[in-house]
Protein backbone atom coordinates (compact mmCIF):
# COMPACT_ATOMS: atom_id res chain seq x y z
CA MET A 1 12.94 -26.85 -34.79
CA GLU A 2 11.37 -28.53 -31.82
CA SER A 3 13.82 -26.84 -29.45
CA VAL A 4 12.82 -23.44 -30.85
CA GLY A 5 9.20 -24.23 -29.96
CA TYR A 6 10.23 -25.13 -26.41
CA LEU A 7 12.26 -21.95 -26.15
CA ILE A 8 9.29 -19.85 -27.26
CA GLY A 9 7.04 -21.67 -24.79
CA VAL A 10 9.47 -21.06 -21.94
CA LEU A 11 9.75 -17.38 -22.86
CA VAL A 12 5.97 -16.96 -22.99
CA TRP A 13 5.39 -18.72 -19.66
CA GLY A 14 8.29 -16.83 -18.13
CA ALA A 15 6.77 -13.55 -19.24
CA VAL A 16 3.38 -14.52 -17.79
CA ILE A 17 4.92 -15.53 -14.47
CA ALA A 18 7.02 -12.36 -14.37
CA ALA A 19 3.97 -10.19 -15.07
CA LEU A 20 2.00 -11.89 -12.27
CA LEU A 21 4.90 -11.51 -9.88
CA VAL A 22 5.30 -7.82 -10.72
CA THR A 23 1.56 -7.31 -10.17
CA VAL A 24 1.59 -9.00 -6.76
CA VAL A 25 4.73 -7.23 -5.57
CA GLY A 26 3.49 -3.89 -6.91
CA SER A 27 0.15 -4.20 -5.14
CA LEU A 28 1.88 -5.08 -1.86
CA VAL A 29 4.17 -2.09 -2.18
CA VAL A 30 1.25 0.24 -2.92
CA VAL A 31 -0.73 -1.05 0.08
CA ARG A 32 2.22 -0.59 2.42
CA TRP A 33 2.93 2.89 1.00
CA ARG A 34 -0.71 3.96 1.47
CA ARG A 35 -0.75 2.72 5.08
CA ARG A 36 2.47 4.55 5.91
CA THR A 37 1.25 7.72 4.22
CA ILE A 38 -2.09 7.66 6.02
CA GLU A 39 -0.38 7.02 9.37
CA ALA A 40 2.05 9.87 8.77
CA LEU A 41 -0.76 12.25 7.82
CA GLU A 42 -2.81 11.28 10.88
CA ARG A 43 0.23 11.66 13.13
CA ALA A 44 1.03 15.10 11.68
CA GLU A 45 -2.60 16.15 12.03
CA SER A 46 -2.77 15.07 15.66
CA GLU A 47 0.52 16.82 16.45
CA ALA A 48 -0.60 20.03 14.74
CA ASP A 49 -4.04 20.16 16.33
CA PRO A 50 -4.18 18.27 19.63
CA GLN A 51 -7.80 17.81 20.67
CA PRO A 52 -8.87 16.92 24.19
CA ALA A 53 -10.67 13.66 24.84
CA ALA A 54 -14.45 13.53 24.36
CA GLY A 55 -15.21 13.53 28.10
CA SER A 56 -12.72 16.21 29.15
CA PRO A 57 -13.91 19.44 30.84
CA VAL A 58 -12.68 21.54 27.91
CA ASN A 59 -15.08 19.84 25.50
CA ARG A 60 -18.01 20.22 27.87
CA GLN A 61 -17.44 23.98 28.08
CA GLN A 62 -17.44 24.34 24.30
CA ARG A 63 -20.91 22.80 23.90
């Protein structure tokens, strides 16, 4: 019976460790995905609507 108790303990601790690991890996994946998505959106926006620099003559004429 004692070995059954150890088995249950190992399963419980294994489940806790697995849940923590999934949480950490999942959060890292989400952070990386968000950064890539934001970079891609910014890149697409800058390619679609190129704006001159703040001090360029074009901007001065539009004021």
